Amino acid sequence: MEYIKKDNYPNLFEALGYDKELIEDRLNQIINTIFYGSEDERLYHLVEDDMGYILDTGNIDVRTEGMSYGMMICVQRNMQKEFNCLWKWTKTYMWHSEGDNKGYFAWSVSPGGKRNSEGSAPDGEEYFAMALFFAAHRWGDGVGIFNYTKEAQNLLHECVHKGEDGRGNPMWEPTNKLIKFVPELDFTDPSYHLPHFYELFALWANEEDRDFWKEAARASREFLKKACHPETGLAPEYSNYDGRPRYEEGHGYYYSDAYRVIANIGLDYAWFGKSEWESECADKIQKFFCDTVKDNAECVYEIDGTIIDQPALHPVAIIATNAMGSLATKGKYSELCVQRFWETPLRTGDRRYYDNCLYAFAFLALSGNYRIW
């Protein structure tokens, strides 16, 4: 199995003059709050000593999004016990062992383990696979569901090949190699596009699928150029495969899902640096928030920048992801976005789940701790 050897993970906080020990202490504090803080702070809940879940505190459910995010945080921070607890809960309550969705995961489940939906959301599957590969490389494979490599390869096989026997649907559209919003529908979510993951899947997935993942990485980078507005850099929550916003579902605006696009662009640029367009796009988004709408930076927007008279549901997520974009930016707002994020605390209250997951990713990345394992 081929591995990536990468030693340079810049610490953007340290570059701004923040003390290295203080940065590490702050990161430990963030992770500890999310996993072991008080009842009104934490997201992680332990079940029966060997399982655990990440709670969406705004919707009071457990989502593949949050579970896979939690696993990625754990592998980055060398938290194997918590990783295994999350994975066992996921396999116990979310995994489809039969039917058209066999091999996928139910995207929303109650904290007690009852499925709210039988459907699956591809962003969870791609994060599960990446976290599992990293776990295999960091800790080694175990047995059963803890044979991380096998679990990741099996999952990606389903994502690519489901439907070839007439049952179910793949998570990537075979004709254009673009990730779907859900397997049954023919449109996408720009924030689901993670070309930096696909580059690694092309090394570690089943051999017969590696060319597919190379093409998927290329296709996603090209897609994002179409989905992100040429002046503002903003992308819609949902879009057609040609990049046009999907207003039909009411998600054609720059709103919650879409915040992740600049973070993904930043990490892809930091890990692989294959597209200077990513740097240019991230610069445009930072300029939009730091200059164009600096007095209205917590709203909903058309992707051309028109302000919609509606407050953002996750304002801390905007700050966190814009800062993570500084992994790619070269413009004058890069430092300001990192500094603003440093000065922003974790979110409190019922809506803290989404904001604080993205906050943790941003802090990991900006401190040089979001790494390829």
Protein backbone atom coordinates (compact mmCIF):
# COMPACT_ATOMS: atom_id res chain seq x y z
CA MET A 1 0.00 0.00 0.00
CA GLU A 2 1.36 3.40 -1.01
CA TYR A 3 1.56 6.12 1.61
CA ILE A 4 1.85 9.88 1.41
CA LYS A 5 4.91 11.32 3.13
CA LYS A 6 4.23 14.94 4.00
CA ASP A 7 6.17 16.76 6.69
CA ASN A 8 5.15 20.37 6.16
CA TYR A 9 1.95 21.33 7.97
CA PRO A 10 2.28 25.06 8.66
CA ASN A 11 1.03 26.50 11.94
CA LEU A 12 -0.69 29.71 10.89
CA PHE A 13 -1.33 30.73 14.50
CA GLU A 14 2.36 30.51 15.32
CA ALA A 15 3.17 32.48 12.18
CA LEU A 16 1.00 35.29 13.58
CA GLY A 17 3.00 35.30 16.81
CA TYR A 18 0.83 33.17 19.09
CA ASP A 19 2.79 31.04 21.55
CA LYS A 20 3.20 27.41 20.48
CA GLU A 21 2.35 25.99 23.91
CA LEU A 22 -0.69 28.24 24.16
CA ILE A 23 -1.89 27.00 20.77
CA GLU A 24 -1.56 23.38 21.85
CA ASP A 25 -3.29 24.07 25.16
CA ARG A 26 -6.12 25.79 23.36
CA LEU A 27 -6.52 22.86 20.96
CA ASN A 28 -6.60 20.37 23.82
CA GLN A 29 -9.21 22.52 25.55
CA ILE A 30 -11.40 22.58 22.44
CA ILE A 31 -11.29 18.83 21.96
CA ASN A 32 -11.83 18.16 25.65
CA THR A 33 -14.87 20.48 25.67
CA ILE A 34 -16.42 18.73 22.69
CA PHE A 35 -15.82 15.24 24.07
CA TYR A 36 -15.76 15.63 27.84
CA GLY A 37 -17.15 19.05 28.69
CA SER A 38 -20.20 19.69 30.81
CA GLU A 39 -23.64 18.53 29.68
CA ASP A 40 -24.33 21.87 28.02
CA GLU A 41 -20.93 21.94 26.30
CA ARG A 42 -20.08 18.48 25.01
CA LEU A 43 -21.28 16.73 21.88
CA TYR A 44 -19.92 13.25 22.65
CA HIS A 45 -21.92 10.78 24.73
CA LEU A 46 -20.57 7.43 25.88
CA VAL A 47 -22.88 4.39 25.75
CA GLU A 48 -22.22 1.12 27.62
CA ASP A 49 -18.48 1.82 27.86
CA ASP A 50 -17.71 0.67 24.31
CA MET A 51 -19.94 2.84 22.12
CA GLY A 52 -20.51 6.55 21.79
CA TYR A 53 -22.24 9.11 19.60
CA ILE A 54 -21.96 12.76 18.58
CA LEU A 55 -25.26 14.55 19.19
CA ASP A 56 -26.65 17.17 16.83
CA THR A 57 -27.75 19.47 19.63
CA GLY A 58 -30.00 21.54 17.38
CA ASN A 59 -32.01 18.62 16.03
CA ILE A 60 -31.48 16.09 18.85
CA ASP A 61 -30.40 13.30 16.55
CA VAL A 62 -27.24 11.49 15.57
CA ARG A 63 -26.06 12.07 12.00
CA THR A 64 -23.51 10.35 9.81
CA GLU A 65 -22.06 13.82 9.31
CA GLY A 66 -21.33 14.23 13.02
CA MET A 67 -20.23 10.65 13.61
CA SER A 68 -17.74 10.77 10.75
CA TYR A 69 -16.54 14.22 11.85
CA GLY A 70 -16.04 12.88 15.36
CA MET A 71 -14.00 9.96 14.02
CA MET A 72 -11.82 12.29 11.96
CA ILE A 73 -11.15 14.47 15.01
CA CYS A 74 -10.27 11.37 17.04
CA VAL A 75 -7.76 10.00 14.56
CA GLN A 76 -6.13 13.41 14.23
CA ARG A 77 -5.75 13.64 18.04
CA ASN A 78 -4.75 9.99 18.60
CA MET A 79 -7.96 9.12 20.46
CA GLN A 80 -8.40 5.48 19.45
CA LYS A 81 -10.78 4.51 22.27
CA GLU A 82 -13.24 7.24 21.35
CA PHE A 83 -12.79 6.48 17.65
CA ASN A 84 -13.69 2.83 18.19
CA CYS A 85 -16.67 3.76 20.35
CA LEU A 86 -18.04 6.02 17.61
CA TRP A 87 -17.43 3.44 14.91
CA LYS A 88 -19.10 0.63 16.88
CA TRP A 89 -22.19 2.80 17.50
CA THR A 90 -22.26 3.69 13.81
CA LYS A 91 -22.04 0.07 12.69
CA THR A 92 -24.57 -1.05 15.32
CA TYR A 93 -27.31 1.49 14.67
CA MET A 94 -26.67 3.16 11.31
CA TRP A 95 -25.30 0.50 8.97
CA HIS A 96 -27.59 -1.17 6.44
CA SER A 97 -26.92 -4.90 6.37
CA GLU A 98 -29.49 -5.58 3.63
CA GLY A 99 -31.74 -3.94 1.08
CA ASP A 100 -31.06 -1.37 -1.61
CA ASN A 101 -28.86 0.64 0.76
CA LYS A 102 -26.80 -2.34 1.93
CA GLY A 103 -23.33 -1.17 2.92
CA TYR A 104 -24.44 2.45 3.40
CA PHE A 105 -25.48 4.19 6.63
CA ALA A 106 -28.79 5.73 7.70
CA TRP A 107 -28.06 9.44 7.85
CA SER A 108 -30.22 10.29 10.91
CA VAL A 109 -30.80 8.12 13.97
CA SER A 110 -32.19 8.92 17.41
CA PRO A 111 -29.79 8.85 20.38
CA GLY A 112 -31.52 5.63 21.40
CA GLY A 113 -30.65 3.98 18.09
CA LYS A 114 -33.98 4.24 16.21
CA ARG A 115 -33.60 5.31 12.60
CA ASN A 116 -35.32 8.55 11.63
CA SER A 117 -34.56 7.87 7.98
CA GLU A 118 -33.39 4.89 5.97
CA GLY A 119 -31.70 7.18 3.44
CA SER A 120 -27.99 7.90 3.26
CA ALA A 121 -25.95 11.08 2.80
CA PRO A 122 -22.66 10.73 0.90
CA ASP A 123 -20.73 13.28 2.97
CA GLY A 124 -20.86 10.89 5.91
CA GLU A 125 -19.64 7.95 3.86
CA GLU A 126 -16.65 9.82 2.44
CA TYR A 127 -15.56 11.02 5.90
CA PHE A 128 -16.03 7.54 7.37
CA ALA A 129 -13.79 6.06 4.67
CA MET A 130 -11.07 8.69 5.09
CA ALA A 131 -11.07 8.45 8.89
CA LEU A 132 -10.87 4.65 8.68
CA PHE A 133 -7.88 4.73 6.33
CA PHE A 134 -6.10 7.19 8.61
CA ALA A 135 -6.89 4.98 11.61
CA ALA A 136 -5.36 1.97 9.84
CA HIS A 137 -2.17 3.88 9.14
CA ARG A 138 -1.92 5.44 12.60
CA TRP A 139 -2.92 2.48 14.79
CA GLY A 140 -2.87 -0.60 12.58
CA ASP A 141 -5.78 -2.81 11.60
CA GLY A 142 -7.67 -4.89 14.14
CA VAL A 143 -10.26 -7.62 13.63
CA GLY A 144 -13.92 -7.51 12.65
CA ILE A 145 -15.25 -3.99 12.31
CA PHE A 146 -11.90 -2.68 13.53
CA ASN A 147 -10.12 -3.93 10.42
CA TYR A 148 -10.17 -0.31 9.37
CA THR A 149 -8.68 -0.77 5.90
CA LYS A 150 -11.16 -3.46 4.91
CA GLU A 151 -14.09 -1.44 6.24
CA ALA A 152 -13.01 1.63 4.25
CA GLN A 153 -12.42 -0.33 1.05
CA ASN A 154 -15.75 -2.13 1.33
CA LEU A 155 -17.58 1.15 1.87
CA LEU A 156 -15.96 2.86 -1.11
CA HIS A 157 -16.74 -0.17 -3.27
CA GLU A 158 -20.43 0.26 -2.47
CA CYS A 159 -20.26 4.00 -3.13
CA VAL A 160 -18.93 3.42 -6.64
CA HIS A 161 -20.58 0.16 -7.73
CA LYS A 162 -24.00 0.07 -6.08
CA GLY A 163 -26.74 -0.22 -8.66
CA GLU A 164 -24.72 -2.23 -11.15
CA ASP A 165 -26.78 -5.28 -10.19
CA GLY A 166 -30.04 -3.34 -10.47
CA ARG A 167 -30.43 -2.63 -6.73
CA GLY A 168 -29.79 0.75 -5.19
CA ASN A 169 -27.81 3.73 -6.48
CA PRO A 170 -24.16 4.77 -6.34
CA MET A 171 -23.08 7.82 -4.36
CA TRP A 172 -21.02 9.18 -7.25
CA GLU A 173 -22.61 9.77 -10.63
CA PRO A 174 -20.80 7.30 -12.94
CA THR A 175 -20.98 9.52 -16.03
CA ASN A 176 -19.21 12.54 -14.54
CA LYS A 177 -17.56 11.18 -11.34
CA LEU A 178 -19.30 13.83 -9.18
CA ILE A 179 -20.63 13.10 -5.70
CA LYS A 180 -24.43 13.23 -5.38
CA PHE A 181 -26.47 15.01 -2.74
CA VAL A 182 -28.13 11.66 -2.00
CA PRO A 183 -27.81 8.48 -4.07
CA GLU A 184 -31.35 8.68 -5.49
CA LEU A 185 -31.12 12.24 -6.86
CA ASP A 186 -29.20 13.70 -9.78
CA PHE A 187 -27.73 16.85 -8.29
CA THR A 188 -24.97 17.65 -5.86
CA ASP A 189 -23.87 19.68 -2.85
CA PRO A 190 -20.69 21.68 -3.50
CA SER A 191 -19.58 21.26 0.12
CA TYR A 192 -19.49 17.48 -0.35
CA HIS A 193 -16.66 17.77 -2.89
CA LEU A 194 -13.40 16.70 -1.22
CA PRO A 195 -10.77 16.21 -3.94
CA HIS A 196 -8.05 15.91 -1.29
CA PHE A 197 -9.80 12.80 0.02
CA TYR A 198 -10.22 11.35 -3.47
CA GLU A 199 -6.49 11.74 -4.14
CA LEU A 200 -5.90 9.44 -1.17
CA PHE A 201 -8.71 7.05 -2.08
CA ALA A 202 -6.88 6.68 -5.40
CA LEU A 203 -3.96 5.22 -3.42
CA TRP A 204 -5.82 3.11 -0.87
CA ALA A 205 -9.19 2.00 -2.29
CA ASN A 206 -9.59 -1.35 -4.06
CA GLU A 207 -7.15 -1.41 -6.94
CA GLU A 208 -9.83 -1.64 -9.62
CA ASP A 209 -11.36 1.64 -8.41
CA ARG A 210 -8.22 3.76 -8.13
CA ASP A 211 -8.53 5.30 -11.58
CA PHE A 212 -12.11 6.26 -10.71
CA TRP A 213 -10.91 8.21 -7.69
CA LYS A 214 -8.19 9.98 -9.66
CA GLU A 215 -10.87 11.11 -12.08
CA ALA A 216 -13.20 12.08 -9.22
CA ALA A 217 -10.53 14.37 -7.75
CA ARG A 218 -10.02 16.08 -11.10
CA ALA A 219 -13.76 16.30 -11.76
CA SER A 220 -14.53 17.85 -8.37
CA ARG A 221 -11.87 20.54 -8.75
CA GLU A 222 -13.31 21.43 -12.15
CA PHE A 223 -16.87 21.36 -10.81
CA LEU A 224 -16.05 23.78 -7.99
CA LYS A 225 -14.82 26.33 -10.53
CA LYS A 226 -18.33 26.29 -12.00
CA ALA A 227 -20.23 26.28 -8.70
CA CYS A 228 -18.32 29.16 -7.05
CA HIS A 229 -19.33 32.62 -8.25
CA PRO A 230 -16.57 34.26 -10.34
CA GLU A 231 -16.65 37.51 -8.34
CA THR A 232 -17.57 36.55 -4.76
CA GLY A 233 -16.31 32.96 -4.71
CA LEU A 234 -19.54 31.93 -2.97
CA ALA A 235 -21.18 28.57 -3.74
CA PRO A 236 -24.80 27.49 -3.18
CA GLU A 237 -25.84 24.78 -0.77
CA TYR A 238 -27.12 22.55 -3.59
CA SER A 239 -26.33 22.75 -7.28
CA ASN A 240 -26.77 21.01 -10.59
CA TYR A 241 -23.77 19.17 -11.96
CA ASP A 242 -23.02 22.20 -14.14
CA GLY A 243 -22.71 24.36 -11.01
CA ARG A 244 -26.02 26.22 -11.29
CA PRO A 245 -27.75 26.72 -7.90
CA ARG A 246 -30.69 24.45 -7.04
CA TYR A 247 -33.40 26.87 -6.01
CA GLU A 248 -36.02 24.15 -6.44
CA GLU A 249 -35.27 22.74 -2.99
CA GLY A 250 -34.74 26.18 -1.45
CA HIS A 251 -31.01 25.66 -1.18
CA GLY A 252 -29.61 27.86 -3.94
CA TYR A 253 -28.11 30.36 -1.50
CA TYR A 254 -24.86 30.71 0.43
CA TYR A 255 -26.08 29.18 3.66
CA SER A 256 -25.04 26.57 6.23
CA ASP A 257 -23.80 23.69 4.04
CA ALA A 258 -21.97 26.05 1.72
CA TYR A 259 -19.67 27.43 4.43
CA ARG A 260 -17.64 24.23 4.19
CA VAL A 261 -16.54 24.91 0.61
CA ILE A 262 -13.81 27.39 1.52
CA ALA A 263 -12.58 25.07 4.29
CA ASN A 264 -12.37 22.17 1.84
CA ILE A 265 -10.57 24.33 -0.70
CA GLY A 266 -8.08 25.38 1.95
CA LEU A 267 -7.30 21.83 3.02
CA ASP A 268 -7.03 20.56 -0.56
CA TYR A 269 -4.58 23.34 -1.36
CA ALA A 270 -2.57 22.69 1.80
CA TRP A 271 -2.31 18.96 1.16
CA PHE A 272 -1.86 18.87 -2.62
CA GLY A 273 -1.60 22.41 -4.05
CA LYS A 274 -2.81 21.30 -7.46
CA SER A 275 -5.01 24.28 -8.29
CA GLU A 276 -4.09 27.95 -8.01
CA TRP A 277 -7.74 28.67 -8.68
CA GLU A 278 -8.41 27.46 -5.12
CA SER A 279 -6.19 30.19 -3.74
CA GLU A 280 -7.90 32.81 -5.88
CA CYS A 281 -11.38 31.63 -4.87
CA ALA A 282 -10.58 31.59 -1.16
CA ASP A 283 -9.20 35.14 -1.48
CA LYS A 284 -12.49 36.26 -3.04
CA ILE A 285 -14.56 34.76 -0.24
CA GLN A 286 -12.39 36.33 2.45
CA LYS A 287 -12.61 39.71 0.69
CA PHE A 288 -16.38 39.36 0.49
CA PHE A 289 -16.73 38.85 4.26
CA CYS A 290 -13.97 41.19 5.41
CA ASP A 291 -14.76 44.04 3.02
CA THR A 292 -17.90 43.80 0.89
CA VAL A 293 -20.30 42.76 3.68
CA LYS A 294 -18.15 43.52 6.72
CA ASP A 295 -21.11 45.20 8.41
CA ASN A 296 -23.52 42.38 7.46
CA ALA A 297 -21.27 39.33 7.76
CA GLU A 298 -23.80 37.04 9.46
CA CYS A 299 -26.56 36.87 6.86
CA VAL A 300 -27.77 34.63 4.07
CA TYR A 301 -26.56 35.58 0.57
CA GLU A 302 -27.22 34.96 -3.08
CA ILE A 303 -23.99 33.62 -4.52
CA ASP A 304 -23.52 36.94 -6.35
CA GLY A 305 -23.33 38.59 -2.91
CA THR A 306 -26.86 39.99 -2.69
CA ILE A 307 -27.85 40.06 0.97
CA ILE A 308 -30.96 38.08 1.92
CA ASP A 309 -32.71 39.56 4.94
CA GLN A 310 -32.26 36.45 7.05
CA PRO A 311 -29.69 35.78 9.80
CA ALA A 312 -27.15 33.00 9.44
CA LEU A 313 -27.99 29.97 11.55
CA HIS A 314 -24.32 29.20 12.20
CA PRO A 315 -22.29 32.43 12.44
CA VAL A 316 -19.34 30.82 14.24
CA ALA A 317 -19.06 28.32 11.39
CA ILE A 318 -18.65 31.21 8.94
CA ILE A 319 -15.73 32.60 10.95
CA ALA A 320 -14.11 29.18 11.37
CA THR A 321 -14.32 28.13 7.73
CA ASN A 322 -13.20 31.51 6.41
CA ALA A 323 -10.12 31.20 8.61
CA MET A 324 -9.46 27.67 7.34
CA GLY A 325 -9.44 29.14 3.85
CA SER A 326 -6.21 30.90 4.84
CA LEU A 327 -4.43 27.61 4.16
CA ALA A 328 -4.84 28.61 0.52
CA THR A 329 -5.09 32.40 0.46
CA LYS A 330 -2.41 34.91 -0.44
CA GLY A 331 -4.48 38.08 -0.10
CA LYS A 332 -4.50 40.79 2.53
CA TYR A 333 -7.43 39.34 4.49
CA SER A 334 -5.78 36.02 5.29
CA GLU A 335 -4.27 37.08 8.61
CA LEU A 336 -7.39 38.97 9.64
CA CYS A 337 -9.54 35.87 9.19
CA VAL A 338 -7.16 33.76 11.29
CA GLN A 339 -6.99 36.39 14.00
CA ARG A 340 -10.76 36.80 14.07
CA PHE A 341 -11.15 33.05 14.47
CA TRP A 342 -8.57 32.95 17.28
CA GLU A 343 -10.57 35.60 19.12
CA THR A 344 -13.86 33.71 18.67
CA PRO A 345 -14.76 31.14 21.35
CA LEU A 346 -16.56 27.85 20.82
CA ARG A 347 -20.29 28.33 20.40
CA THR A 348 -22.61 27.63 23.31
CA GLY A 349 -26.31 26.75 23.29
CA ASP A 350 -28.52 24.38 21.35
CA ARG A 351 -27.03 25.14 17.93
CA ARG A 352 -23.42 24.51 18.91
CA TYR A 353 -23.04 21.12 17.16
CA TYR A 354 -22.38 22.21 13.57
CA ASP A 355 -20.41 25.33 14.47
CA ASN A 356 -18.14 23.54 16.92
CA CYS A 357 -17.40 20.59 14.64
CA LEU A 358 -16.22 23.01 11.95
CA TYR A 359 -14.45 25.05 14.63
CA ALA A 360 -12.47 21.95 15.68
CA PHE A 361 -11.49 21.19 12.07
CA ALA A 362 -10.38 24.78 11.52
CA PHE A 363 -8.28 24.86 14.67
CA LEU A 364 -6.68 21.52 13.80
CA ALA A 365 -5.86 22.72 10.30
CA LEU A 366 -4.58 26.18 11.23
CA SER A 367 -2.35 24.78 13.97
CA GLY A 368 -0.79 22.24 11.60
CA ASN A 369 -2.61 19.30 13.18
CA TYR A 370 -5.00 18.22 10.40
CA ARG A 371 -2.73 15.72 8.72
CA ILE A 372 -2.50 12.90 6.23
CA TRP A 373 -1.91 9.67 8.12
